[in-house]
Amino acid sequence: MQDKVVVIVGATGGIGSALTRKLAPTGAKLVLAARDAVNFATLADELSGEVLTVPTDITQPQQVKALIQATMDQFGQIDVLVNAAGAGVLKPYNSIEPGDLDRMLDLNLKGSFYTTQAAAEEMQKRKSGHICNVVGILGKHSMSMAAAYSASKFGVVGFSKCMAEELKRFGVKFTLFYFGGIDSSFWDNVSLKVDRKKMLSCETAANAIFYALSAEPQAVPMEINIQPDSHLFF
């Protein structure tokens, strides 16, 4: 990963921050994006090497464009995009408010689309790049109480596979990550009763992303599915 330019969206979240800490010692040039500007300074201070922080609300296309432009201005290229931002609404279908659905589609689906689209344009020009979209298992399998959340995540899978077809002749790889329950702040505001001690750690997720990024050039790890043994999906 030496000198690779890696844009991490959702960098101050559980998976994002674990990944930044894993990548920093490798010599990667990190671009950290998140809405939480307050935690940027603390995270950046922990990291070695070149780090650019860009407060970004990915639901706003102009802010996404500014993120990619800042990356190009600083480093001149984008080798990797990791979409690790997201939020969850888990409630019965008939309790889902229009605002709940809007939030899921705006952040999880549209935000991921905007960042993927913008980064892919730069990667296409260089005929090289790797886009990692953290989908979660509810983008592959259904679950009660997850209608709005799964709708947004199934959408991410759909556009990612379409873009992968368009971009494969330009050397742009896509990897989709279907993690089961991750013990992160995602669950802090979810009323569903869960045992977080039995979930996967953020470090496990970060290790899987690092594995995909470290694969030999001709290898394309298209999908990675990791589940806690307490709740398996096949």
C-alpha atoms as a PDB file:
ATOM      1  CA  MET A   1       0.000   0.000   0.000  1.00  0.00           C
ATOM      2  CA  GLN A   2       3.057   2.248  -0.059  1.00  0.00           C
ATOM      3  CA  ASP A   3       2.128   5.635  -1.612  1.00  0.00           C
ATOM      4  CA  LYS A   4      -1.371   4.454  -2.564  1.00  0.00           C
ATOM      5  CA  VAL A   5      -3.971   7.204  -2.160  1.00  0.00           C
ATOM      6  CA  VAL A   6      -6.890   5.814  -0.153  1.00  0.00           C
ATOM      7  CA  VAL A   7     -10.092   7.781   0.391  1.00  0.00           C
ATOM      8  CA  ILE A   8     -12.039   6.478   3.397  1.00  0.00           C
ATOM      9  CA  VAL A   9     -15.616   7.708   3.713  1.00  0.00           C
ATOM     10  CA  GLY A  10     -16.968   7.328   7.227  1.00  0.00           C
ATOM     11  CA  ALA A  11     -13.429   7.523   8.564  1.00  0.00           C
ATOM     12  CA  THR A  12     -14.404   8.397  12.136  1.00  0.00           C
ATOM     13  CA  GLY A  13     -16.814   5.454  12.446  1.00  0.00           C
ATOM     14  CA  GLY A  14     -15.946   2.049  13.845  1.00  0.00           C
ATOM     15  CA  ILE A  15     -14.866   0.301  10.643  1.00  0.00           C
ATOM     16  CA  GLY A  16     -13.436   3.455   9.098  1.00  0.00           C
ATOM     17  CA  SER A  17     -11.252   4.369  12.051  1.00  0.00           C
ATOM     18  CA  ALA A  18     -10.031   0.775  12.457  1.00  0.00           C
ATOM     19  CA  LEU A  19      -9.070   0.720   8.781  1.00  0.00           C
ATOM     20  CA  THR A  20      -7.219   4.048   8.955  1.00  0.00           C
ATOM     21  CA  ARG A  21      -5.143   2.758  11.853  1.00  0.00           C
ATOM     22  CA  LYS A  22      -4.309  -0.396   9.907  1.00  0.00           C
ATOM     23  CA  LEU A  23      -3.379   1.434   6.714  1.00  0.00           C
ATOM     24  CA  ALA A  24      -1.344   4.295   8.187  1.00  0.00           C
ATOM     25  CA  PRO A  25       1.792   2.209   8.968  1.00  0.00           C
ATOM     26  CA  THR A  26       1.853   0.810   5.400  1.00  0.00           C
ATOM     27  CA  GLY A  27       2.808   4.143   3.854  1.00  0.00           C
ATOM     28  CA  ALA A  28      -0.581   4.747   2.257  1.00  0.00           C
ATOM     29  CA  LYS A  29      -1.658   8.352   1.755  1.00  0.00           C
ATOM     30  CA  LEU A  30      -4.973   8.671   3.550  1.00  0.00           C
ATOM     31  CA  VAL A  31      -7.879  10.967   2.788  1.00  0.00           C
ATOM     32  CA  LEU A  32     -10.393  10.880   5.623  1.00  0.00           C
ATOM     33  CA  ALA A  33     -13.970  11.985   5.007  1.00  0.00           C
ATOM     34  CA  ALA A  34     -16.827  12.162   7.492  1.00  0.00           C
ATOM     35  CA  ARG A  35     -19.477  14.548   8.778  1.00  0.00           C
ATOM     36  CA  ASP A  36     -17.953  14.404  12.264  1.00  0.00           C
ATOM     37  CA  ALA A  37     -15.299  17.107  11.958  1.00  0.00           C
ATOM     38  CA  VAL A  38     -14.741  17.195  15.734  1.00  0.00           C
ATOM     39  CA  ASN A  39     -13.215  13.702  15.880  1.00  0.00           C
ATOM     40  CA  PHE A  40     -10.986  14.274  12.844  1.00  0.00           C
ATOM     41  CA  ALA A  41      -8.242  16.004  14.813  1.00  0.00           C
ATOM     42  CA  THR A  42      -8.045  13.226  17.396  1.00  0.00           C
ATOM     43  CA  LEU A  43      -7.937  10.506  14.757  1.00  0.00           C
ATOM     44  CA  ALA A  44      -5.446  12.304  12.523  1.00  0.00           C
ATOM     45  CA  ASP A  45      -3.102  12.889  15.471  1.00  0.00           C
ATOM     46  CA  GLU A  46      -2.897   9.125  16.019  1.00  0.00           C
ATOM     47  CA  LEU A  47      -1.827   8.402  12.452  1.00  0.00           C
ATOM     48  CA  SER A  48       1.599   8.426  10.888  1.00  0.00           C
ATOM     49  CA  GLY A  49       2.316   9.428   7.313  1.00  0.00           C
ATOM     50  CA  GLU A  50       0.409  11.754   4.996  1.00  0.00           C
ATOM     51  CA  VAL A  51      -3.189  12.372   6.063  1.00  0.00           C
ATOM     52  CA  LEU A  52      -5.726  14.766   4.546  1.00  0.00           C
ATOM     53  CA  THR A  53      -8.997  15.350   6.417  1.00  0.00           C
ATOM     54  CA  VAL A  54     -12.019  16.648   4.515  1.00  0.00           C
ATOM     55  CA  PRO A  55     -15.278  17.144   6.452  1.00  0.00           C
ATOM     56  CA  THR A  56     -17.922  15.874   4.050  1.00  0.00           C
ATOM     57  CA  ASP A  57     -21.654  15.256   4.043  1.00  0.00           C
ATOM     58  CA  ILE A  58     -21.941  12.623   1.309  1.00  0.00           C
ATOM     59  CA  THR A  59     -25.668  13.274   0.904  1.00  0.00           C
ATOM     60  CA  GLN A  60     -24.653  16.550  -0.759  1.00  0.00           C
ATOM     61  CA  PRO A  61     -23.231  15.990  -4.274  1.00  0.00           C
ATOM     62  CA  GLN A  62     -21.301  19.269  -4.252  1.00  0.00           C
ATOM     63  CA  GLN A  63     -19.507  18.287  -1.047  1.00  0.00           C
ATOM     64  CA  VAL A  64     -18.599  14.934  -2.601  1.00  0.00           C
ATOM     65  CA  LYS A  65     -17.149  16.724  -5.617  1.00  0.00           C
ATOM     66  CA  ALA A  66     -15.173  18.959  -3.264  1.00  0.00           C
ATOM     67  CA  LEU A  67     -13.804  15.881  -1.478  1.00  0.00           C
ATOM     68  CA  ILE A  68     -12.572  14.333  -4.718  1.00  0.00           C
ATOM     69  CA  GLN A  69     -11.151  17.660  -5.915  1.00  0.00           C
ATOM     70  CA  ALA A  70      -9.294  18.146  -2.626  1.00  0.00           C
ATOM     71  CA  THR A  71      -7.829  14.663  -3.016  1.00  0.00           C
ATOM     72  CA  MET A  72      -6.688  15.363  -6.561  1.00  0.00           C
ATOM     73  CA  ASP A  73      -5.246  18.740  -5.603  1.00  0.00           C
ATOM     74  CA  GLN A  74      -3.258  17.203  -2.733  1.00  0.00           C
ATOM     75  CA  PHE A  75      -2.169  13.877  -4.199  1.00  0.00           C
ATOM     76  CA  GLY A  76      -2.947  13.934  -7.922  1.00  0.00           C
ATOM     77  CA  GLN A  77      -4.711  10.571  -7.991  1.00  0.00           C
ATOM     78  CA  ILE A  78      -7.121   8.214  -6.253  1.00  0.00           C
ATOM     79  CA  ASP A  79      -6.151   4.568  -5.996  1.00  0.00           C
ATOM     80  CA  VAL A  80      -8.776   3.330  -3.530  1.00  0.00           C
ATOM     81  CA  LEU A  81     -12.205   4.430  -2.325  1.00  0.00           C
ATOM     82  CA  VAL A  82     -13.681   2.785   0.768  1.00  0.00           C
ATOM     83  CA  ASN A  83     -17.329   3.568   1.484  1.00  0.00           C
ATOM     84  CA  ALA A  84     -17.743   2.743   5.176  1.00  0.00           C
ATOM     85  CA  ALA A  85     -20.321   5.394   6.098  1.00  0.00           C
ATOM     86  CA  GLY A  86     -23.864   4.424   6.939  1.00  0.00           C
ATOM     87  CA  ALA A  87     -26.717   4.478   9.405  1.00  0.00           C
ATOM     88  CA  GLY A  88     -29.512   2.121  10.340  1.00  0.00           C
ATOM     89  CA  VAL A  89     -33.236   2.192  11.004  1.00  0.00           C
ATOM     90  CA  LEU A  90     -34.611  -1.078  12.346  1.00  0.00           C
ATOM     91  CA  LYS A  91     -38.329  -0.981  13.113  1.00  0.00           C
ATOM     92  CA  PRO A  92     -41.545  -2.640  11.895  1.00  0.00           C
ATOM     93  CA  TYR A  93     -42.539  -1.740   8.343  1.00  0.00           C
ATOM     94  CA  ASN A  94     -45.687   0.067   9.492  1.00  0.00           C
ATOM     95  CA  SER A  95     -43.698   2.233  11.923  1.00  0.00           C
ATOM     96  CA  ILE A  96     -41.298   3.515   9.290  1.00  0.00           C
ATOM     97  CA  GLU A  97     -41.856   7.218   8.721  1.00  0.00           C
ATOM     98  CA  PRO A  98     -41.117   9.027   5.447  1.00  0.00           C
ATOM     99  CA  GLY A  99     -38.167  10.674   7.188  1.00  0.00           C
ATOM    100  CA  ASP A 100     -36.745   7.254   8.118  1.00  0.00           C
ATOM    101  CA  LEU A 101     -36.843   6.102   4.519  1.00  0.00           C
ATOM    102  CA  ASP A 102     -35.396   9.377   3.249  1.00  0.00           C
ATOM    103  CA  ARG A 103     -32.502   9.099   5.713  1.00  0.00           C
ATOM    104  CA  MET A 104     -31.668   5.541   4.631  1.00  0.00           C
ATOM    105  CA  LEU A 105     -31.831   6.329   0.931  1.00  0.00           C
ATOM    106  CA  ASP A 106     -29.998   9.659   1.207  1.00  0.00           C
ATOM    107  CA  LEU A 107     -27.061   8.407   3.262  1.00  0.00           C
ATOM    108  CA  ASN A 108     -26.714   4.700   2.550  1.00  0.00           C
ATOM    109  CA  LEU A 109     -27.737   4.634  -1.102  1.00  0.00           C
ATOM    110  CA  LYS A 110     -27.354   8.086  -2.633  1.00  0.00           C
ATOM    111  CA  GLY A 111     -24.279   8.986  -0.604  1.00  0.00           C
ATOM    112  CA  SER A 112     -22.510   5.796  -1.628  1.00  0.00           C
ATOM    113  CA  PHE A 113     -23.559   6.372  -5.233  1.00  0.00           C
ATOM    114  CA  TYR A 114     -22.235   9.929  -5.309  1.00  0.00           C
ATOM    115  CA  THR A 115     -18.841   8.989  -3.850  1.00  0.00           C
ATOM    116  CA  THR A 116     -18.475   5.917  -6.072  1.00  0.00           C
ATOM    117  CA  GLN A 117     -19.431   7.885  -9.165  1.00  0.00           C
ATOM    118  CA  ALA A 118     -17.035  10.747  -8.441  1.00  0.00           C
ATOM    119  CA  ALA A 119     -14.055   8.538  -7.557  1.00  0.00           C
ATOM    120  CA  ALA A 120     -14.684   6.205 -10.510  1.00  0.00           C
ATOM    121  CA  GLU A 121     -14.410   9.098 -12.963  1.00  0.00           C
ATOM    122  CA  GLU A 122     -10.852   9.811 -11.807  1.00  0.00           C
ATOM    123  CA  MET A 123      -9.960   6.117 -11.725  1.00  0.00           C
ATOM    124  CA  GLN A 124     -11.262   5.628 -15.261  1.00  0.00           C
ATOM    125  CA  LYS A 125      -8.923   8.330 -16.519  1.00  0.00           C
ATOM    126  CA  ARG A 126      -5.920   6.494 -15.029  1.00  0.00           C
ATOM    127  CA  LYS A 127      -7.294   3.063 -15.966  1.00  0.00           C
ATOM    128  CA  SER A 128      -6.695   1.852 -12.438  1.00  0.00           C
ATOM    129  CA  GLY A 129      -8.493   1.817  -9.105  1.00  0.00           C
ATOM    130  CA  HIS A 130     -10.300  -0.182  -6.455  1.00  0.00           C
ATOM    131  CA  ILE A 131     -13.697   0.669  -4.969  1.00  0.00           C
ATOM    132  CA  CYS A 132     -14.724  -1.053  -1.739  1.00  0.00           C
ATOM    133  CA  ASN A 133     -18.362  -0.678  -0.732  1.00  0.00           C
ATOM    134  CA  VAL A 134     -19.253  -1.891   2.751  1.00  0.00           C
ATOM    135  CA  VAL A 135     -22.784  -3.167   2.211  1.00  0.00           C
ATOM    136  CA  GLY A 136     -23.512  -5.361   5.220  1.00  0.00           C
ATOM    137  CA  ILE A 137     -25.348  -8.668   5.195  1.00  0.00           C
ATOM    138  CA  LEU A 138     -28.743  -6.958   4.967  1.00  0.00           C
ATOM    139  CA  GLY A 139     -27.833  -5.962   1.426  1.00  0.00           C
ATOM    140  CA  LYS A 140     -27.837  -9.656   0.527  1.00  0.00           C
ATOM    141  CA  HIS A 141     -30.368 -11.231   2.914  1.00  0.00           C
ATOM    142  CA  SER A 142     -33.656  -9.950   4.268  1.00  0.00           C
ATOM    143  CA  MET A 143     -34.565  -9.601   7.935  1.00  0.00           C
ATOM    144  CA  SER A 144     -37.686  -8.467   9.712  1.00  0.00           C
ATOM    145  CA  MET A 145     -37.598  -4.871  10.980  1.00  0.00           C
ATOM    146  CA  ALA A 146     -35.105  -3.906   8.230  1.00  0.00           C
ATOM    147  CA  ALA A 147     -37.315  -2.918   5.274  1.00  0.00           C
ATOM    148  CA  ALA A 148     -35.977   0.633   4.874  1.00  0.00           C
ATOM    149  CA  TYR A 149     -32.372  -0.271   5.685  1.00  0.00           C
ATOM    150  CA  SER A 150     -32.301  -3.271   3.350  1.00  0.00           C
ATOM    151  CA  ALA A 151     -33.906  -1.230   0.573  1.00  0.00           C
ATOM    152  CA  SER A 152     -30.973   1.177   0.715  1.00  0.00           C
ATOM    153  CA  LYS A 153     -28.339  -1.546   0.917  1.00  0.00           C
ATOM    154  CA  PHE A 154     -29.794  -3.728  -1.849  1.00  0.00           C
ATOM    155  CA  GLY A 155     -29.597  -0.568  -3.947  1.00  0.00           C
ATOM    156  CA  VAL A 156     -25.878  -0.237  -3.236  1.00  0.00           C
ATOM    157  CA  VAL A 157     -25.339  -3.773  -4.494  1.00  0.00           C
ATOM    158  CA  GLY A 158     -27.303  -3.004  -7.649  1.00  0.00           C
ATOM    159  CA  PHE A 159     -25.448   0.119  -8.695  1.00  0.00           C
ATOM    160  CA  SER A 160     -22.058  -1.342  -7.686  1.00  0.00           C
ATOM    161  CA  LYS A 161     -22.506  -4.346  -9.968  1.00  0.00           C
ATOM    162  CA  CYS A 162     -23.683  -2.138 -12.829  1.00  0.00           C
ATOM    163  CA  MET A 163     -20.705   0.203 -12.455  1.00  0.00           C
ATOM    164  CA  ALA A 164     -18.327  -2.762 -12.171  1.00  0.00           C
ATOM    165  CA  GLU A 165     -19.513  -3.952 -15.589  1.00  0.00           C
ATOM    166  CA  GLU A 166     -18.991  -0.513 -17.104  1.00  0.00           C
ATOM    167  CA  LEU A 167     -15.575   0.027 -15.557  1.00  0.00           C
ATOM    168  CA  LYS A 168     -13.873  -3.369 -15.748  1.00  0.00           C
ATOM    169  CA  ARG A 169     -12.312  -2.538 -19.129  1.00  0.00           C
ATOM    170  CA  PHE A 170     -10.703   0.475 -17.472  1.00  0.00           C
ATOM    171  CA  GLY A 171      -9.019  -1.598 -14.776  1.00  0.00           C
ATOM    172  CA  VAL A 172     -11.310  -0.461 -11.944  1.00  0.00           C
ATOM    173  CA  LYS A 173     -12.075  -3.211  -9.417  1.00  0.00           C
ATOM    174  CA  PHE A 174     -15.081  -3.451  -7.122  1.00  0.00           C
ATOM    175  CA  THR A 175     -15.315  -5.392  -3.862  1.00  0.00           C
ATOM    176  CA  LEU A 176     -18.545  -5.675  -1.874  1.00  0.00           C
ATOM    177  CA  PHE A 177     -18.364  -6.527   1.834  1.00  0.00           C
ATOM    178  CA  TYR A 178     -21.251  -8.366   3.469  1.00  0.00           C
ATOM    179  CA  PHE A 179     -20.410  -8.186   7.163  1.00  0.00           C
ATOM    180  CA  GLY A 180     -22.788  -9.503   9.787  1.00  0.00           C
ATOM    181  CA  GLY A 181     -23.378  -7.564  12.988  1.00  0.00           C
ATOM    182  CA  ILE A 182     -20.403  -5.315  13.790  1.00  0.00           C
ATOM    183  CA  ASP A 183     -19.964  -4.057  17.341  1.00  0.00           C
ATOM    184  CA  SER A 184     -19.918  -0.344  16.550  1.00  0.00           C
ATOM    185  CA  SER A 185     -21.798   2.868  17.220  1.00  0.00           C
ATOM    186  CA  PHE A 186     -24.290   1.751  14.547  1.00  0.00           C
ATOM    187  CA  TRP A 187     -26.203   0.031  17.365  1.00  0.00           C
ATOM    188  CA  ASP A 188     -26.163   2.918  19.822  1.00  0.00           C
ATOM    189  CA  ASN A 189     -29.506   4.299  18.670  1.00  0.00           C
ATOM    190  CA  VAL A 190     -31.153   1.050  17.559  1.00  0.00           C
ATOM    191  CA  SER A 191     -33.923  -0.166  19.866  1.00  0.00           C
ATOM    192  CA  LEU A 192     -33.650  -3.788  18.685  1.00  0.00           C
ATOM    193  CA  LYS A 193     -32.282  -5.991  21.478  1.00  0.00           C
ATOM    194  CA  VAL A 194     -28.920  -7.461  20.441  1.00  0.00           C
ATOM    195  CA  ASP A 195     -25.931  -9.061  22.162  1.00  0.00           C
ATOM    196  CA  ARG A 196     -23.013  -6.945  20.993  1.00  0.00           C
ATOM    197  CA  LYS A 197     -20.491  -9.241  22.692  1.00  0.00           C
ATOM    198  CA  LYS A 198     -21.299 -11.875  20.060  1.00  0.00           C
ATOM    199  CA  MET A 199     -20.796  -9.521  17.118  1.00  0.00           C
ATOM    200  CA  LEU A 200     -17.792  -9.117  14.859  1.00  0.00           C
ATOM    201  CA  SER A 201     -15.214  -6.504  15.831  1.00  0.00           C
ATOM    202  CA  CYS A 202     -14.431  -3.451  13.733  1.00  0.00           C
ATOM    203  CA  GLU A 203     -10.879  -4.773  13.469  1.00  0.00           C
ATOM    204  CA  THR A 204     -12.159  -7.977  11.826  1.00  0.00           C
ATOM    205  CA  ALA A 205     -13.928  -5.880   9.199  1.00  0.00           C
ATOM    206  CA  ALA A 206     -10.837  -3.706   8.686  1.00  0.00           C
ATOM    207  CA  ASN A 207      -8.670  -6.802   8.237  1.00  0.00           C
ATOM    208  CA  ALA A 208     -11.015  -8.083   5.519  1.00  0.00           C
ATOM    209  CA  ILE A 209     -10.863  -4.782   3.645  1.00  0.00           C
ATOM    210  CA  PHE A 210      -7.079  -4.719   3.977  1.00  0.00           C
ATOM    211  CA  TYR A 211      -6.930  -8.258   2.582  1.00  0.00           C
ATOM    212  CA  ALA A 212      -8.929  -7.201  -0.484  1.00  0.00           C
ATOM    213  CA  LEU A 213      -6.705  -4.177  -1.055  1.00  0.00           C
ATOM    214  CA  SER A 214      -3.559  -6.302  -0.717  1.00  0.00           C
ATOM    215  CA  ALA A 215      -4.578  -8.905  -3.309  1.00  0.00           C
ATOM    216  CA  GLU A 216      -2.255  -9.398  -6.264  1.00  0.00           C
ATOM    217  CA  PRO A 217      -3.037  -7.079  -9.214  1.00  0.00           C
ATOM    218  CA  GLN A 218      -4.752  -9.696 -11.376  1.00  0.00           C
ATOM    219  CA  ALA A 219      -6.979 -10.907  -8.525  1.00  0.00           C
ATOM    220  CA  VAL A 220     -10.422  -9.372  -7.977  1.00  0.00           C
ATOM    221  CA  PRO A 221     -11.992 -10.304  -4.623  1.00  0.00           C
ATOM    222  CA  MET A 222     -15.501  -9.441  -5.784  1.00  0.00           C
ATOM    223  CA  GLU A 223     -17.439 -10.255  -2.608  1.00  0.00           C
ATOM    224  CA  ILE A 224     -16.376 -10.962   0.978  1.00  0.00           C
ATOM    225  CA  ASN A 225     -18.979 -12.336   3.399  1.00  0.00           C
ATOM    226  CA  ILE A 226     -18.066 -12.653   7.104  1.00  0.00           C
ATOM    227  CA  GLN A 227     -20.662 -13.514   9.743  1.00  0.00           C
ATOM    228  CA  PRO A 228     -20.548 -14.029  13.507  1.00  0.00           C
ATOM    229  CA  ASP A 229     -21.026 -17.689  14.343  1.00  0.00           C
ATOM    230  CA  SER A 230     -24.055 -16.783  16.451  1.00  0.00           C
ATOM    231  CA  HIS A 231     -26.003 -15.575  13.421  1.00  0.00           C
ATOM    232  CA  LEU A 232     -24.988 -17.162  10.130  1.00  0.00           C
ATOM    233  CA  PHE A 233     -26.367 -16.294   6.681  1.00  0.00           C
ATOM    234  CA  PHE A 234     -25.477 -18.482   3.699  1.00  0.00           C
END
